[in-house]
Amino acid sequence: MLCQELFVPLSGINLFVKKLFPGETVDAELPVMVFLHEGLGSVNQWKDFPEKIVKATGFPAIVYDRLGYGKSSPLLETRGLDYIHKEEKLLNQLLAALHIKSYFLVGHSEGGSLALIHAAQHPKGLLKTVTLSANTMNEAKIKPSILEVVKTYEKQDSKLKTALQKYHGDKTDSVFYAWSKTWTADFFSQWNIIEALKQIEVPLLAFHGRNDQYTSLQQIGNIREFVSAPKTIHVLDQCSHHPHFDHEETVIKAMKDFLKE
């Protein structure tokens, strides 16, 4: 497997990108899997999951640090109700800069929201979308769950903060509070992407865990109810907010079958 790392300049910022290729040569005609990480995530927090999917499917992959995360440029503006929609425009710029003609999206949590918003725009070249614990609305369970994480993060000698610093360095506080303060803010209580779900036309594969610590099954229930495109839904038992780690083999097999069919 080939691996390339680079920084892609976009409108005054730089996004860190990791490219993965299944063989020793690059086939430019193959569609590319584009991975969109969660609200506290980064390229390296996917661990070796992208590599395993590349190996299983034979498709190349692009994994990148979203703006403000990991090795990418810091986030300098305060997030509003439309911040994921703004990031969708940045995703379009990245795809254009990398000359990606056909692709699949693989989004986890907030990255799943980004994937769904993007799919709703009917972008040329998008073939299929995969979501893992995607957020489709704010709900009552989210705020208290995140506030508990804030308590853990703010403890003296916090293991959580130390762990995140390995990935985000001096941007760790910015990453953490951009996530926690936005999702618990009063103005964000009304956030949802129901209208976007109604506009999706590409096939969709969605996963959600019954034991998700942040959200309920209403999130994937919205996908079931409002997405009219062909869809396959997996609700996994004994599964947290990270289906791709808790049920790795199940997720990889389902993704392989879905992307290659």
C-alpha atoms as a PDB file:
ATOM      1  CA  MET A   1       0.000   0.000   0.000  1.00  0.00           C
ATOM      2  CA  LEU A   2       1.249   3.447  -0.946  1.00  0.00           C
ATOM      3  CA  CYS A   3       0.852   6.392   1.426  1.00  0.00           C
ATOM      4  CA  GLN A   4       1.419  10.071   0.665  1.00  0.00           C
ATOM      5  CA  GLU A   5       1.074  13.021   3.044  1.00  0.00           C
ATOM      6  CA  LEU A   6       0.737  16.625   1.919  1.00  0.00           C
ATOM      7  CA  PHE A   7      -0.705  20.029   2.783  1.00  0.00           C
ATOM      8  CA  VAL A   8      -3.315  21.425   0.414  1.00  0.00           C
ATOM      9  CA  PRO A   9      -3.583  25.263   0.332  1.00  0.00           C
ATOM     10  CA  LEU A  10      -7.162  26.564   0.104  1.00  0.00           C
ATOM     11  CA  SER A  11      -8.209  30.221   0.385  1.00  0.00           C
ATOM     12  CA  GLY A  12      -5.473  31.192   2.831  1.00  0.00           C
ATOM     13  CA  ILE A  13      -5.529  27.999   4.909  1.00  0.00           C
ATOM     14  CA  ASN A  14      -3.797  24.626   4.694  1.00  0.00           C
ATOM     15  CA  LEU A  15      -5.474  21.244   5.121  1.00  0.00           C
ATOM     16  CA  PHE A  16      -3.383  18.206   6.010  1.00  0.00           C
ATOM     17  CA  VAL A  17      -4.179  15.282   3.712  1.00  0.00           C
ATOM     18  CA  LYS A  18      -3.171  11.640   3.771  1.00  0.00           C
ATOM     19  CA  LYS A  19      -3.577   9.661   0.543  1.00  0.00           C
ATOM     20  CA  LEU A  20      -3.787   5.864   0.592  1.00  0.00           C
ATOM     21  CA  PHE A  21      -3.464   3.680  -2.499  1.00  0.00           C
ATOM     22  CA  PRO A  22      -4.221  -0.070  -2.552  1.00  0.00           C
ATOM     23  CA  GLY A  23      -1.258  -1.100  -4.723  1.00  0.00           C
ATOM     24  CA  GLU A  24       2.194  -0.014  -5.758  1.00  0.00           C
ATOM     25  CA  THR A  25       0.792   1.983  -8.672  1.00  0.00           C
ATOM     26  CA  VAL A  26      -1.886   4.673  -8.773  1.00  0.00           C
ATOM     27  CA  ASP A  27      -5.024   4.031 -10.851  1.00  0.00           C
ATOM     28  CA  ALA A  28      -6.500   7.475 -11.484  1.00  0.00           C
ATOM     29  CA  GLU A  29      -9.740   5.964 -12.821  1.00  0.00           C
ATOM     30  CA  LEU A  30     -10.795   4.378  -9.534  1.00  0.00           C
ATOM     31  CA  PRO A  31     -13.256   6.268  -7.318  1.00  0.00           C
ATOM     32  CA  VAL A  32     -11.747   7.598  -4.090  1.00  0.00           C
ATOM     33  CA  MET A  33     -13.065   7.152  -0.551  1.00  0.00           C
ATOM     34  CA  VAL A  34     -13.033  10.485   1.308  1.00  0.00           C
ATOM     35  CA  PHE A  35     -13.013  10.172   5.114  1.00  0.00           C
ATOM     36  CA  LEU A  36     -14.608  12.909   7.251  1.00  0.00           C
ATOM     37  CA  HIS A  37     -13.743  12.680  10.951  1.00  0.00           C
ATOM     38  CA  GLU A  38     -15.776  13.420  14.079  1.00  0.00           C
ATOM     39  CA  GLY A  39     -16.010  16.617  16.138  1.00  0.00           C
ATOM     40  CA  LEU A  40     -12.888  15.894  18.199  1.00  0.00           C
ATOM     41  CA  GLY A  41     -11.180  13.813  15.520  1.00  0.00           C
ATOM     42  CA  SER A  42      -8.264  13.906  13.109  1.00  0.00           C
ATOM     43  CA  VAL A  43      -6.537  11.779  10.493  1.00  0.00           C
ATOM     44  CA  ASN A  44      -4.692   9.723  13.080  1.00  0.00           C
ATOM     45  CA  GLN A  45      -7.759   9.139  15.255  1.00  0.00           C
ATOM     46  CA  TRP A  46      -9.203   6.937  12.527  1.00  0.00           C
ATOM     47  CA  LYS A  47      -6.302   4.626  13.503  1.00  0.00           C
ATOM     48  CA  ASP A  48      -5.829   1.950  10.810  1.00  0.00           C
ATOM     49  CA  PHE A  49      -9.495   1.761   9.802  1.00  0.00           C
ATOM     50  CA  PRO A  50      -9.008   3.590   6.455  1.00  0.00           C
ATOM     51  CA  GLU A  51      -6.099   1.297   5.550  1.00  0.00           C
ATOM     52  CA  LYS A  52      -8.256  -1.751   6.259  1.00  0.00           C
ATOM     53  CA  ILE A  53     -11.066  -0.426   4.063  1.00  0.00           C
ATOM     54  CA  VAL A  54      -8.608   0.331   1.251  1.00  0.00           C
ATOM     55  CA  LYS A  55      -7.294  -3.215   1.487  1.00  0.00           C
ATOM     56  CA  ALA A  56     -10.800  -4.719   1.606  1.00  0.00           C
ATOM     57  CA  THR A  57     -12.278  -2.732  -1.293  1.00  0.00           C
ATOM     58  CA  GLY A  58      -9.296  -1.997  -3.521  1.00  0.00           C
ATOM     59  CA  PHE A  59     -10.315   1.680  -3.645  1.00  0.00           C
ATOM     60  CA  PRO A  60      -7.885   4.497  -2.777  1.00  0.00           C
ATOM     61  CA  ALA A  61      -8.681   6.879   0.066  1.00  0.00           C
ATOM     62  CA  ILE A  62      -8.236  10.479   1.125  1.00  0.00           C
ATOM     63  CA  VAL A  63      -8.175  11.169   4.873  1.00  0.00           C
ATOM     64  CA  TYR A  64      -7.802  14.770   5.981  1.00  0.00           C
ATOM     65  CA  ASP A  65      -7.738  16.949   9.081  1.00  0.00           C
ATOM     66  CA  ARG A  66     -10.722  19.269   8.888  1.00  0.00           C
ATOM     67  CA  LEU A  67     -10.102  22.997   9.418  1.00  0.00           C
ATOM     68  CA  GLY A  68      -8.989  23.628  13.001  1.00  0.00           C
ATOM     69  CA  TYR A  69      -7.970  20.026  13.678  1.00  0.00           C
ATOM     70  CA  GLY A  70      -4.744  18.027  13.787  1.00  0.00           C
ATOM     71  CA  LYS A  71      -2.109  19.387  11.443  1.00  0.00           C
ATOM     72  CA  SER A  72      -4.458  21.636   9.471  1.00  0.00           C
ATOM     73  CA  SER A  73      -4.681  25.404   9.972  1.00  0.00           C
ATOM     74  CA  PRO A  74      -6.332  26.601  13.194  1.00  0.00           C
ATOM     75  CA  LEU A  75      -9.957  27.666  13.320  1.00  0.00           C
ATOM     76  CA  LEU A  76     -10.045  31.443  13.747  1.00  0.00           C
ATOM     77  CA  GLU A  77     -13.765  32.237  13.672  1.00  0.00           C
ATOM     78  CA  THR A  78     -16.571  31.459  16.122  1.00  0.00           C
ATOM     79  CA  ARG A  79     -18.917  28.759  14.942  1.00  0.00           C
ATOM     80  CA  GLY A  80     -22.494  29.593  14.052  1.00  0.00           C
ATOM     81  CA  LEU A  81     -25.568  27.501  13.328  1.00  0.00           C
ATOM     82  CA  ASP A  82     -24.353  26.988   9.750  1.00  0.00           C
ATOM     83  CA  TYR A  83     -20.743  26.006  10.484  1.00  0.00           C
ATOM     84  CA  ILE A  84     -21.017  22.492   9.000  1.00  0.00           C
ATOM     85  CA  HIS A  85     -22.610  23.957   5.871  1.00  0.00           C
ATOM     86  CA  LYS A  86     -19.645  26.334   5.621  1.00  0.00           C
ATOM     87  CA  GLU A  87     -17.309  23.381   5.928  1.00  0.00           C
ATOM     88  CA  GLU A  88     -19.165  21.658   3.099  1.00  0.00           C
ATOM     89  CA  LYS A  89     -18.022  24.477   0.810  1.00  0.00           C
ATOM     90  CA  LEU A  90     -14.452  23.863   1.955  1.00  0.00           C
ATOM     91  CA  LEU A  91     -14.869  20.158   1.153  1.00  0.00           C
ATOM     92  CA  ASN A  92     -15.855  21.139  -2.394  1.00  0.00           C
ATOM     93  CA  GLN A  93     -12.679  23.199  -2.700  1.00  0.00           C
ATOM     94  CA  LEU A  94     -10.555  20.307  -1.449  1.00  0.00           C
ATOM     95  CA  LEU A  95     -12.087  17.852  -3.919  1.00  0.00           C
ATOM     96  CA  ALA A  96     -11.419  20.299  -6.753  1.00  0.00           C
ATOM     97  CA  ALA A  97      -7.838  20.960  -5.624  1.00  0.00           C
ATOM     98  CA  LEU A  98      -7.118  17.217  -5.536  1.00  0.00           C
ATOM     99  CA  HIS A  99      -8.774  16.702  -8.942  1.00  0.00           C
ATOM    100  CA  ILE A 100     -11.091  14.005  -7.582  1.00  0.00           C
ATOM    101  CA  LYS A 101     -13.596  13.080 -10.285  1.00  0.00           C
ATOM    102  CA  SER A 102     -15.568  10.263  -8.654  1.00  0.00           C
ATOM    103  CA  TYR A 103     -15.734   9.455  -4.964  1.00  0.00           C
ATOM    104  CA  PHE A 104     -17.470   7.972  -1.945  1.00  0.00           C
ATOM    105  CA  LEU A 105     -17.904   9.796   1.355  1.00  0.00           C
ATOM    106  CA  VAL A 106     -17.268   8.071   4.691  1.00  0.00           C
ATOM    107  CA  GLY A 107     -18.304  10.311   7.585  1.00  0.00           C
ATOM    108  CA  HIS A 108     -18.219   9.679  11.330  1.00  0.00           C
ATOM    109  CA  SER A 109     -20.459  11.607  13.765  1.00  0.00           C
ATOM    110  CA  GLU A 110     -20.167  15.313  12.865  1.00  0.00           C
ATOM    111  CA  GLY A 111     -18.270  14.155   9.768  1.00  0.00           C
ATOM    112  CA  GLY A 112     -21.336  12.084   8.938  1.00  0.00           C
ATOM    113  CA  SER A 113     -23.428  15.248   9.120  1.00  0.00           C
ATOM    114  CA  LEU A 114     -20.983  16.892   6.734  1.00  0.00           C
ATOM    115  CA  ALA A 115     -21.265  13.919   4.368  1.00  0.00           C
ATOM    116  CA  LEU A 116     -25.065  14.091   4.365  1.00  0.00           C
ATOM    117  CA  ILE A 117     -25.103  17.850   3.779  1.00  0.00           C
ATOM    118  CA  HIS A 118     -22.694  17.405   0.879  1.00  0.00           C
ATOM    119  CA  ALA A 119     -24.718  14.556  -0.623  1.00  0.00           C
ATOM    120  CA  ALA A 120     -27.828  16.746  -0.558  1.00  0.00           C
ATOM    121  CA  GLN A 121     -26.166  19.209  -2.947  1.00  0.00           C
ATOM    122  CA  HIS A 122     -26.138  16.574  -5.718  1.00  0.00           C
ATOM    123  CA  PRO A 123     -22.411  17.038  -6.372  1.00  0.00           C
ATOM    124  CA  LYS A 124     -21.110  15.684  -9.633  1.00  0.00           C
ATOM    125  CA  GLY A 125     -18.907  12.681  -8.986  1.00  0.00           C
ATOM    126  CA  LEU A 126     -20.359  11.534  -5.661  1.00  0.00           C
ATOM    127  CA  LEU A 127     -21.330   7.884  -6.062  1.00  0.00           C
ATOM    128  CA  LYS A 128     -22.335   6.697  -2.571  1.00  0.00           C
ATOM    129  CA  THR A 129     -22.247   7.823   1.052  1.00  0.00           C
ATOM    130  CA  VAL A 130     -21.441   5.951   4.268  1.00  0.00           C
ATOM    131  CA  THR A 131     -22.218   7.366   7.720  1.00  0.00           C
ATOM    132  CA  LEU A 132     -21.107   6.151  11.140  1.00  0.00           C
ATOM    133  CA  SER A 133     -23.145   7.590  14.050  1.00  0.00           C
ATOM    134  CA  ALA A 134     -24.086  10.642  11.972  1.00  0.00           C
ATOM    135  CA  ASN A 135     -25.765  13.564  13.716  1.00  0.00           C
ATOM    136  CA  THR A 136     -28.969  14.576  11.942  1.00  0.00           C
ATOM    137  CA  MET A 137     -30.381  16.831  14.675  1.00  0.00           C
ATOM    138  CA  ASN A 138     -29.603  18.221  18.087  1.00  0.00           C
ATOM    139  CA  GLU A 139     -31.528  16.383  20.798  1.00  0.00           C
ATOM    140  CA  ALA A 140     -31.988  16.438  24.567  1.00  0.00           C
ATOM    141  CA  LYS A 141     -29.435  13.682  25.227  1.00  0.00           C
ATOM    142  CA  ILE A 142     -26.517  15.517  23.633  1.00  0.00           C
ATOM    143  CA  LYS A 143     -26.034  18.484  25.986  1.00  0.00           C
ATOM    144  CA  PRO A 144     -25.765  16.565  29.303  1.00  0.00           C
ATOM    145  CA  SER A 145     -23.541  13.950  27.665  1.00  0.00           C
ATOM    146  CA  ILE A 146     -21.131  16.589  26.400  1.00  0.00           C
ATOM    147  CA  LEU A 147     -21.152  18.480  29.704  1.00  0.00           C
ATOM    148  CA  GLU A 148     -19.968  15.277  31.402  1.00  0.00           C
ATOM    149  CA  VAL A 149     -17.101  15.111  28.902  1.00  0.00           C
ATOM    150  CA  VAL A 150     -16.267  18.747  29.720  1.00  0.00           C
ATOM    151  CA  LYS A 151     -15.947  17.812  33.402  1.00  0.00           C
ATOM    152  CA  THR A 152     -13.568  14.999  32.473  1.00  0.00           C
ATOM    153  CA  TYR A 153     -11.543  17.271  30.192  1.00  0.00           C
ATOM    154  CA  GLU A 154     -11.186  19.998  32.819  1.00  0.00           C
ATOM    155  CA  LYS A 155      -9.987  17.732  35.627  1.00  0.00           C
ATOM    156  CA  GLN A 156      -6.441  18.268  36.855  1.00  0.00           C
ATOM    157  CA  ASP A 157      -4.047  15.983  34.943  1.00  0.00           C
ATOM    158  CA  SER A 158      -6.894  15.036  32.597  1.00  0.00           C
ATOM    159  CA  LYS A 159      -6.140  11.877  30.628  1.00  0.00           C
ATOM    160  CA  LEU A 160      -8.623  12.967  27.976  1.00  0.00           C
ATOM    161  CA  LYS A 161      -6.854  16.291  27.428  1.00  0.00           C
ATOM    162  CA  THR A 162      -3.473  14.566  27.312  1.00  0.00           C
ATOM    163  CA  ALA A 163      -4.792  12.074  24.754  1.00  0.00           C
ATOM    164  CA  LEU A 164      -6.210  14.810  22.525  1.00  0.00           C
ATOM    165  CA  GLN A 165      -2.985  16.806  22.725  1.00  0.00           C
ATOM    166  CA  LYS A 166      -1.198  13.966  20.918  1.00  0.00           C
ATOM    167  CA  TYR A 167      -3.323  14.717  17.871  1.00  0.00           C
ATOM    168  CA  HIS A 168      -4.096  18.437  18.073  1.00  0.00           C
ATOM    169  CA  GLY A 169      -1.081  19.893  19.900  1.00  0.00           C
ATOM    170  CA  ASP A 170      -1.490  23.546  20.860  1.00  0.00           C
ATOM    171  CA  LYS A 171      -4.901  23.611  19.130  1.00  0.00           C
ATOM    172  CA  THR A 172      -6.381  21.131  21.631  1.00  0.00           C
ATOM    173  CA  ASP A 173      -8.344  23.646  23.720  1.00  0.00           C
ATOM    174  CA  SER A 174      -9.620  25.315  20.565  1.00  0.00           C
ATOM    175  CA  VAL A 175     -10.760  21.966  19.142  1.00  0.00           C
ATOM    176  CA  PHE A 176     -12.406  20.865  22.364  1.00  0.00           C
ATOM    177  CA  TYR A 177     -14.282  24.059  23.179  1.00  0.00           C
ATOM    178  CA  ALA A 178     -15.331  24.701  19.575  1.00  0.00           C
ATOM    179  CA  TRP A 179     -17.061  21.329  19.783  1.00  0.00           C
ATOM    180  CA  SER A 180     -18.408  21.416  23.331  1.00  0.00           C
ATOM    181  CA  LYS A 181     -19.532  25.045  23.444  1.00  0.00           C
ATOM    182  CA  THR A 182     -21.258  24.879  20.062  1.00  0.00           C
ATOM    183  CA  TRP A 183     -23.208  21.680  20.698  1.00  0.00           C
ATOM    184  CA  THR A 184     -24.343  22.836  24.166  1.00  0.00           C
ATOM    185  CA  ALA A 185     -25.197  26.419  23.177  1.00  0.00           C
ATOM    186  CA  ASP A 186     -28.836  27.512  23.312  1.00  0.00           C
ATOM    187  CA  PHE A 187     -28.714  28.780  19.726  1.00  0.00           C
ATOM    188  CA  PHE A 188     -27.602  25.342  18.516  1.00  0.00           C
ATOM    189  CA  SER A 189     -30.552  23.494  20.070  1.00  0.00           C
ATOM    190  CA  GLN A 190     -32.551  24.023  16.872  1.00  0.00           C
ATOM    191  CA  TRP A 191     -29.870  22.546  14.572  1.00  0.00           C
ATOM    192  CA  ASN A 192     -30.988  19.775  12.232  1.00  0.00           C
ATOM    193  CA  ILE A 193     -30.426  18.648   8.653  1.00  0.00           C
ATOM    194  CA  ILE A 194     -33.856  17.165   7.933  1.00  0.00           C
ATOM    195  CA  GLU A 195     -34.307  19.218   4.744  1.00  0.00           C
ATOM    196  CA  ALA A 196     -30.913  18.036   3.504  1.00  0.00           C
ATOM    197  CA  LEU A 197     -31.871  14.391   4.133  1.00  0.00           C
ATOM    198  CA  LYS A 198     -34.928  14.820   1.896  1.00  0.00           C
ATOM    199  CA  GLN A 199     -32.719  15.937  -1.001  1.00  0.00           C
ATOM    200  CA  ILE A 200     -30.231  13.047  -1.004  1.00  0.00           C
ATOM    201  CA  GLU A 201     -30.321  10.944  -4.178  1.00  0.00           C
ATOM    202  CA  VAL A 202     -27.166   8.793  -3.945  1.00  0.00           C
ATOM    203  CA  PRO A 203     -27.256   5.377  -2.203  1.00  0.00           C
ATOM    204  CA  LEU A 204     -26.580   5.524   1.520  1.00  0.00           C
ATOM    205  CA  LEU A 205     -25.172   3.063   4.068  1.00  0.00           C
ATOM    206  CA  ALA A 206     -25.718   4.145   7.689  1.00  0.00           C
ATOM    207  CA  PHE A 207     -24.586   2.700  11.033  1.00  0.00           C
ATOM    208  CA  HIS A 208     -25.594   3.607  14.590  1.00  0.00           C
ATOM    209  CA  GLY A 209     -24.958   1.953  17.955  1.00  0.00           C
ATOM    210  CA  ARG A 210     -27.695   1.184  20.464  1.00  0.00           C
ATOM    211  CA  ASN A 211     -25.347   2.273  23.256  1.00  0.00           C
ATOM    212  CA  ASP A 212     -24.206   5.535  21.679  1.00  0.00           C
ATOM    213  CA  GLN A 213     -23.165   7.717  24.623  1.00  0.00           C
ATOM    214  CA  TYR A 214     -24.071  10.990  22.900  1.00  0.00           C
ATOM    215  CA  THR A 215     -27.197  10.380  20.837  1.00  0.00           C
ATOM    216  CA  SER A 216     -30.311   8.240  20.536  1.00  0.00           C
ATOM    217  CA  LEU A 217     -31.551   6.132  17.637  1.00  0.00           C
ATOM    218  CA  GLN A 218     -33.635   9.135  16.536  1.00  0.00           C
ATOM    219  CA  GLN A 219     -30.543  10.214  14.604  1.00  0.00           C
ATOM    220  CA  ILE A 220     -30.576   7.205  12.292  1.00  0.00           C
ATOM    221  CA  GLY A 221     -34.373   7.134  12.493  1.00  0.00           C
ATOM    222  CA  ASN A 222     -34.352  10.460  10.648  1.00  0.00           C
ATOM    223  CA  ILE A 223     -32.249   8.880   7.912  1.00  0.00           C
ATOM    224  CA  ARG A 224     -34.699   5.991   7.666  1.00  0.00           C
ATOM    225  CA  GLU A 225     -37.682   8.345   7.504  1.00  0.00           C
ATOM    226  CA  PHE A 226     -36.490  11.226   5.356  1.00  0.00           C
ATOM    227  CA  VAL A 227     -33.925   9.809   2.900  1.00  0.00           C
ATOM    228  CA  SER A 228     -35.806   8.512  -0.133  1.00  0.00           C
ATOM    229  CA  ALA A 229     -32.692   7.301  -1.953  1.00  0.00           C
ATOM    230  CA  PRO A 230     -31.720   3.600  -1.721  1.00  0.00           C
ATOM    231  CA  LYS A 231     -30.413   3.040   1.799  1.00  0.00           C
ATOM    232  CA  THR A 232     -29.121   0.270   4.028  1.00  0.00           C
ATOM    233  CA  ILE A 233     -29.335   0.814   7.770  1.00  0.00           C
ATOM    234  CA  HIS A 234     -27.481  -1.066  10.504  1.00  0.00           C
ATOM    235  CA  VAL A 235     -28.403  -0.551  14.166  1.00  0.00           C
ATOM    236  CA  LEU A 236     -25.723  -2.397  16.124  1.00  0.00           C
ATOM    237  CA  ASP A 237     -26.125  -3.973  19.568  1.00  0.00           C
ATOM    238  CA  GLN A 238     -23.493  -3.401  22.256  1.00  0.00           C
ATOM    239  CA  CYS A 239     -22.102  -0.537  20.206  1.00  0.00           C
ATOM    240  CA  SER A 240     -20.983   2.955  21.242  1.00  0.00           C
ATOM    241  CA  HIS A 241     -20.477   6.128  19.209  1.00  0.00           C
ATOM    242  CA  HIS A 242     -17.697   4.329  17.288  1.00  0.00           C
ATOM    243  CA  PRO A 243     -19.226   1.450  15.272  1.00  0.00           C
ATOM    244  CA  HIS A 244     -16.080   1.118  13.154  1.00  0.00           C
ATOM    245  CA  PHE A 245     -14.090   0.230  16.285  1.00  0.00           C
ATOM    246  CA  ASP A 246     -16.716  -1.699  18.275  1.00  0.00           C
ATOM    247  CA  HIS A 247     -17.872  -3.810  15.300  1.00  0.00           C
ATOM    248  CA  GLU A 248     -14.976  -3.405  12.915  1.00  0.00           C
ATOM    249  CA  GLU A 249     -15.429  -6.637  10.959  1.00  0.00           C
ATOM    250  CA  THR A 250     -19.167  -6.078  10.505  1.00  0.00           C
ATOM    251  CA  VAL A 251     -18.647  -2.513   9.317  1.00  0.00           C
ATOM    252  CA  ILE A 252     -15.820  -3.403   6.927  1.00  0.00           C
ATOM    253  CA  LYS A 253     -17.793  -6.247   5.337  1.00  0.00           C
ATOM    254  CA  ALA A 254     -20.899  -4.102   4.933  1.00  0.00           C
ATOM    255  CA  MET A 255     -18.883  -1.242   3.446  1.00  0.00           C
ATOM    256  CA  LYS A 256     -17.089  -3.577   1.050  1.00  0.00           C
ATOM    257  CA  ASP A 257     -20.364  -5.073  -0.176  1.00  0.00           C
ATOM    258  CA  PHE A 258     -22.021  -1.652  -0.458  1.00  0.00           C
ATOM    259  CA  LEU A 259     -19.202   0.171  -2.242  1.00  0.00           C
ATOM    260  CA  LYS A 260     -18.397  -2.614  -4.690  1.00  0.00           C
ATOM    261  CA  GLU A 261     -21.920  -3.682  -5.642  1.00  0.00           C
END
